[in-house]
Amino acid sequence: SLVLTALGFIPALAGIFLLPLYLNQLSSEEYALMNLVIIFAGFAAMIGNLKLDAAMRTFYFDFDKEPDKLQQYLSQVFSLGLALLILVFGILLLIGPYLFQLVFRSEEISFYPYGFYALAASFLSLAKSPYMIFLKNQIRLKEFAFYNLGEFGLIFALQAYFILVLKKGVEGALLGSLLAQAFIFILFFLLNYRLLRLRIDLEFLKPSLKYSLGIIPFILINWMIIRGDRILFEQFSDLKEVGKYALLMAILGFSRILLNAMDNA
């Protein structure tokens, strides 16, 4: 459990270790902008796959004594989740600019390129989530660590490069995260392409879909409590004040990240 807790904690460490870089290289307005688009992207990604990754956490144990059925279940969840994410991402490419105008008051928060980078990174990360849950439940620590450490290292290195060397600011931070997630996902897919199924058995997945759809209201409420305050705050304040608030919440949220990692383990 201690090892799983540590490994589950690693992805969040990138944001913590990068805070000094953000504070030195980004303005309060840029830091706020980055936080807001990442929060929006995370929300869209969670809804985009209908929380099938949450179903994987539970229904895994219905098949853990039957390896063939477990592999079939993993393939079906991964394939349907990926298809849904691609569909939702395609829709957001069309309506994203209009959504940003509705959600955000500041004209500086544009869908292209900021929202696009954040959405693509979130969707790529979530696409492999069922497999990461599978690895944790199987206690395949080496493979689980490989993906988590790889993600952490690439995000850290690419964001530092784009911000410090290329002076790309918040755009560089978001682009670095996207490129890191894209590289990890491509590597993951090349190693696990057999998971993809063109024929999706909705009858087989019906219990999982009922479960995942049932917890979406909870996910929405939880998101509003933990993340939605910054989007609400932006409606009544300028980005500089939102940036200060987001920084304080990031620091205070460190303990919550640790507790979540322990809970997941």
Protein backbone atom coordinates (compact mmCIF):
# COMPACT_ATOMS: atom_id res chain seq x y z
CA SER A 1 0.00 0.00 0.00
CA LEU A 2 2.85 2.39 0.78
CA VAL A 3 4.40 1.80 -2.64
CA LEU A 4 1.06 2.28 -4.41
CA THR A 5 0.45 5.46 -2.42
CA ALA A 6 3.84 6.83 -3.42
CA LEU A 7 3.34 5.90 -7.08
CA GLY A 8 -0.16 7.38 -7.13
CA PHE A 9 1.21 10.59 -5.64
CA ILE A 10 3.86 11.06 -8.35
CA PRO A 11 1.74 12.70 -11.12
CA ALA A 12 0.58 15.43 -8.74
CA LEU A 13 4.18 16.16 -7.75
CA ALA A 14 4.87 17.75 -11.14
CA GLY A 15 2.52 20.62 -10.32
CA ILE A 16 4.04 21.05 -6.86
CA PHE A 17 7.65 21.00 -8.07
CA LEU A 18 6.81 23.37 -10.90
CA LEU A 19 5.26 25.98 -8.60
CA PRO A 20 8.57 27.90 -8.16
CA LEU A 21 8.91 28.01 -11.95
CA TYR A 22 5.34 29.28 -12.36
CA LEU A 23 5.82 31.91 -9.64
CA ASN A 24 9.03 33.22 -11.20
CA GLN A 25 8.06 33.07 -14.88
CA LEU A 26 4.29 33.52 -15.04
CA SER A 27 2.26 36.53 -14.00
CA SER A 28 -0.71 36.15 -11.66
CA GLU A 29 -2.99 36.53 -14.67
CA GLU A 30 -1.19 33.79 -16.60
CA TYR A 31 -1.25 31.44 -13.61
CA ALA A 32 -4.98 32.04 -13.24
CA LEU A 33 -5.56 31.44 -16.95
CA MET A 34 -3.65 28.15 -16.82
CA ASN A 35 -5.60 26.97 -13.77
CA LEU A 36 -8.97 27.86 -15.23
CA VAL A 37 -8.49 26.08 -18.55
CA ILE A 38 -7.06 22.99 -16.81
CA ILE A 39 -10.08 22.89 -14.47
CA PHE A 40 -12.46 23.20 -17.41
CA ALA A 41 -10.58 20.49 -19.33
CA GLY A 42 -10.61 18.12 -16.36
CA PHE A 43 -14.35 18.55 -15.98
CA ALA A 44 -14.98 17.93 -19.69
CA ALA A 45 -12.77 14.84 -19.66
CA MET A 46 -14.55 13.34 -16.63
CA ILE A 47 -17.92 13.71 -18.33
CA GLY A 48 -16.48 12.74 -21.71
CA ASN A 49 -15.89 9.07 -20.87
CA LEU A 50 -19.04 8.80 -18.69
CA LYS A 51 -16.75 7.89 -15.74
CA LEU A 52 -16.14 4.38 -17.05
CA ASP A 53 -12.79 4.43 -15.26
CA ALA A 54 -14.74 4.61 -11.97
CA ALA A 55 -16.71 1.52 -13.01
CA MET A 56 -13.42 -0.24 -13.70
CA ARG A 57 -12.40 0.28 -10.06
CA THR A 58 -15.44 -1.68 -8.89
CA PHE A 59 -16.34 -4.20 -11.61
CA TYR A 60 -12.74 -5.37 -11.92
CA PHE A 61 -13.42 -7.60 -8.92
CA ASP A 62 -16.27 -9.35 -10.72
CA PHE A 63 -13.72 -10.80 -13.13
CA ASP A 64 -10.44 -10.96 -11.21
CA LYS A 65 -10.70 -14.75 -10.83
CA GLU A 66 -11.33 -15.21 -14.57
CA PRO A 67 -8.35 -13.80 -16.56
CA ASP A 68 -9.99 -14.17 -19.98
CA LYS A 69 -13.16 -12.35 -18.95
CA LEU A 70 -11.11 -9.72 -17.15
CA GLN A 71 -9.13 -9.05 -20.30
CA GLN A 72 -12.34 -8.84 -22.29
CA TYR A 73 -13.80 -6.40 -19.77
CA LEU A 74 -10.68 -4.22 -19.76
CA SER A 75 -10.67 -4.11 -23.57
CA GLN A 76 -14.35 -3.18 -23.72
CA VAL A 77 -14.06 -0.42 -21.11
CA PHE A 78 -10.92 0.99 -22.73
CA SER A 79 -12.42 0.90 -26.25
CA LEU A 80 -15.76 2.48 -25.32
CA GLY A 81 -14.04 5.10 -23.15
CA LEU A 82 -11.66 6.00 -25.97
CA ALA A 83 -14.49 6.22 -28.51
CA LEU A 84 -16.51 8.50 -26.21
CA LEU A 85 -13.52 10.75 -25.56
CA ILE A 86 -12.80 11.09 -29.28
CA LEU A 87 -16.46 11.93 -29.95
CA VAL A 88 -16.68 14.53 -27.18
CA PHE A 89 -13.31 16.01 -28.13
CA GLY A 90 -14.48 16.41 -31.73
CA ILE A 91 -17.65 18.18 -30.56
CA LEU A 92 -15.66 20.47 -28.27
CA LEU A 93 -13.37 21.46 -31.12
CA LEU A 94 -16.45 22.94 -32.78
CA ILE A 95 -18.27 24.48 -29.83
CA GLY A 96 -15.31 25.11 -27.50
CA PRO A 97 -14.87 28.80 -28.38
CA TYR A 98 -18.56 29.47 -27.68
CA LEU A 99 -18.44 27.52 -24.40
CA PHE A 100 -15.47 29.57 -23.25
CA GLN A 101 -17.41 32.76 -23.97
CA LEU A 102 -20.27 31.46 -21.81
CA VAL A 103 -18.15 30.10 -18.94
CA PHE A 104 -15.44 32.75 -18.63
CA ARG A 105 -15.85 36.49 -18.32
CA SER A 106 -12.28 37.40 -19.32
CA GLU A 107 -11.57 37.61 -23.04
CA GLU A 108 -7.96 36.57 -22.36
CA ILE A 109 -9.14 33.01 -21.70
CA SER A 110 -9.43 31.73 -25.26
CA PHE A 111 -10.19 28.20 -26.40
CA TYR A 112 -7.47 28.29 -29.06
CA PRO A 113 -4.75 27.58 -28.14
CA TYR A 114 -5.16 27.38 -24.35
CA GLY A 115 -8.34 25.34 -24.08
CA PHE A 116 -7.33 23.06 -26.92
CA TYR A 117 -3.98 22.17 -25.31
CA ALA A 118 -5.56 21.56 -21.89
CA LEU A 119 -8.42 19.46 -23.27
CA ALA A 120 -6.16 17.30 -25.42
CA ALA A 121 -3.81 16.63 -22.48
CA SER A 122 -6.69 15.74 -20.13
CA PHE A 123 -8.36 13.46 -22.65
CA LEU A 124 -5.12 11.60 -23.42
CA SER A 125 -4.45 11.12 -19.72
CA LEU A 126 -7.97 9.83 -19.03
CA ALA A 127 -7.96 7.50 -22.04
CA LYS A 128 -5.40 5.23 -20.38
CA SER A 129 -7.01 5.49 -16.93
CA PRO A 130 -8.83 2.07 -17.07
CA TYR A 131 -5.52 0.37 -17.80
CA MET A 132 -3.78 2.21 -14.97
CA ILE A 133 -6.50 1.03 -12.57
CA PHE A 134 -6.01 -2.49 -13.92
CA LEU A 135 -2.26 -2.25 -13.19
CA LYS A 136 -2.90 -1.05 -9.64
CA ASN A 137 -5.39 -3.82 -8.91
CA GLN A 138 -3.00 -6.37 -10.38
CA ILE A 139 -0.19 -4.84 -8.28
CA ARG A 140 2.01 -4.64 -11.38
CA LEU A 141 4.14 -1.99 -9.75
CA LYS A 142 6.97 -1.83 -12.28
CA GLU A 143 4.68 -1.06 -15.21
CA PHE A 144 2.56 1.30 -13.12
CA ALA A 145 5.69 3.14 -11.99
CA PHE A 146 7.01 3.26 -15.56
CA TYR A 147 4.01 5.24 -16.82
CA ASN A 148 3.72 7.49 -13.76
CA LEU A 149 7.41 8.32 -13.58
CA GLY A 150 7.55 8.84 -17.33
CA GLU A 151 4.61 11.24 -17.21
CA PHE A 152 6.10 13.13 -14.27
CA GLY A 153 9.54 13.46 -15.86
CA LEU A 154 8.29 14.53 -19.27
CA ILE A 155 5.86 17.13 -17.94
CA PHE A 156 8.54 18.60 -15.70
CA ALA A 157 11.20 18.67 -18.45
CA LEU A 158 9.00 19.93 -21.29
CA GLN A 159 7.28 22.64 -19.29
CA ALA A 160 10.61 23.87 -17.97
CA TYR A 161 12.01 23.90 -21.53
CA PHE A 162 9.09 25.78 -23.07
CA ILE A 163 8.89 28.29 -20.22
CA LEU A 164 12.57 28.90 -19.46
CA VAL A 165 14.24 28.38 -22.83
CA LEU A 166 11.57 29.28 -25.39
CA LYS A 167 9.86 31.88 -23.17
CA LYS A 168 6.41 30.61 -24.15
CA GLY A 169 4.80 31.40 -20.82
CA VAL A 170 1.44 29.83 -20.06
CA GLU A 171 1.08 28.55 -23.62
CA GLY A 172 4.39 26.72 -23.21
CA ALA A 173 3.27 25.20 -19.91
CA LEU A 174 0.08 23.83 -21.48
CA LEU A 175 1.85 22.69 -24.64
CA GLY A 176 4.55 20.92 -22.62
CA SER A 177 1.91 19.03 -20.68
CA LEU A 178 0.11 18.07 -23.90
CA LEU A 179 3.28 16.78 -25.59
CA ALA A 180 4.18 14.76 -22.50
CA GLN A 181 0.73 13.16 -22.37
CA ALA A 182 0.79 12.50 -26.12
CA PHE A 183 4.16 10.74 -25.93
CA ILE A 184 3.09 8.58 -22.97
CA PHE A 185 -0.22 7.68 -24.63
CA ILE A 186 1.43 6.75 -27.94
CA LEU A 187 3.92 4.56 -26.10
CA PHE A 188 1.12 3.00 -24.04
CA PHE A 189 -0.96 2.32 -27.17
CA LEU A 190 1.93 0.76 -29.07
CA LEU A 191 2.55 -1.60 -26.16
CA ASN A 192 -1.15 -2.37 -25.59
CA TYR A 193 -2.84 -1.94 -28.98
CA ARG A 194 -4.53 -5.32 -28.54
CA LEU A 195 -6.82 -3.69 -25.99
CA LEU A 196 -8.63 -1.84 -28.76
CA ARG A 197 -11.88 -3.44 -29.93
CA LEU A 198 -13.80 -2.17 -32.94
CA ARG A 199 -16.91 -4.04 -31.81
CA ILE A 200 -18.19 -2.78 -28.48
CA ASP A 201 -20.56 -5.04 -26.55
CA LEU A 202 -22.93 -2.60 -24.86
CA GLU A 203 -24.93 -5.43 -23.29
CA PHE A 204 -21.78 -6.70 -21.61
CA LEU A 205 -21.02 -3.18 -20.37
CA LYS A 206 -24.57 -2.33 -19.32
CA PRO A 207 -24.00 -2.83 -15.54
CA SER A 208 -20.85 -0.68 -15.72
CA LEU A 209 -22.64 2.08 -17.63
CA LYS A 210 -25.51 2.11 -15.12
CA TYR A 211 -22.97 2.41 -12.33
CA SER A 212 -20.85 5.12 -13.98
CA LEU A 213 -23.84 7.22 -15.05
CA GLY A 214 -25.21 6.97 -11.53
CA ILE A 215 -22.15 8.56 -9.95
CA ILE A 216 -21.86 11.46 -12.42
CA PRO A 217 -24.07 13.72 -10.22
CA PHE A 218 -21.67 13.10 -7.33
CA ILE A 219 -18.73 13.88 -9.61
CA LEU A 220 -20.36 17.17 -10.62
CA ILE A 221 -21.00 18.19 -7.00
CA ASN A 222 -17.50 17.15 -5.94
CA TRP A 223 -15.99 19.11 -8.84
CA MET A 224 -17.96 22.21 -7.90
CA ILE A 225 -16.77 21.98 -4.29
CA ILE A 226 -13.09 21.32 -5.05
CA ARG A 227 -12.52 23.13 -8.37
CA GLY A 228 -15.56 25.13 -9.40
CA ASP A 229 -14.90 27.98 -6.99
CA ARG A 230 -12.14 29.37 -9.19
CA ILE A 231 -14.43 29.54 -12.21
CA LEU A 232 -17.11 31.22 -10.10
CA PHE A 233 -14.54 33.63 -8.65
CA GLU A 234 -13.48 34.65 -12.17
CA GLN A 235 -17.01 35.93 -12.82
CA PHE A 236 -16.67 38.56 -10.07
CA SER A 237 -12.96 39.40 -10.03
CA ASP A 238 -10.00 40.01 -12.31
CA LEU A 239 -7.47 37.34 -13.29
CA LYS A 240 -4.80 38.73 -10.98
CA GLU A 241 -6.95 38.04 -7.91
CA VAL A 242 -7.99 34.64 -9.28
CA GLY A 243 -4.31 33.78 -9.71
CA LYS A 244 -3.55 34.57 -6.06
CA TYR A 245 -6.54 32.53 -4.91
CA ALA A 246 -5.60 29.60 -7.18
CA LEU A 247 -2.05 29.58 -5.79
CA LEU A 248 -3.30 29.47 -2.19
CA MET A 249 -5.72 26.64 -3.05
CA ALA A 250 -2.92 24.71 -4.78
CA ILE A 251 -0.76 24.92 -1.66
CA LEU A 252 -3.63 24.02 0.67
CA GLY A 253 -4.67 21.19 -1.67
CA PHE A 254 -1.35 19.38 -1.16
CA SER A 255 -2.72 17.41 1.80
CA ARG A 256 -5.87 16.47 -0.16
CA ILE A 257 -3.70 15.09 -2.98
CA LEU A 258 -1.77 12.97 -0.49
CA LEU A 259 -4.97 11.66 1.13
CA ASN A 260 -6.41 10.80 -2.30
CA ALA A 261 -3.27 8.86 -3.18
CA MET A 262 -3.55 6.89 0.06
CA ASP A 263 -7.25 6.28 -0.55
CA ASN A 264 -6.60 5.02 -4.09
CA ALA A 265 -3.91 2.65 -2.85
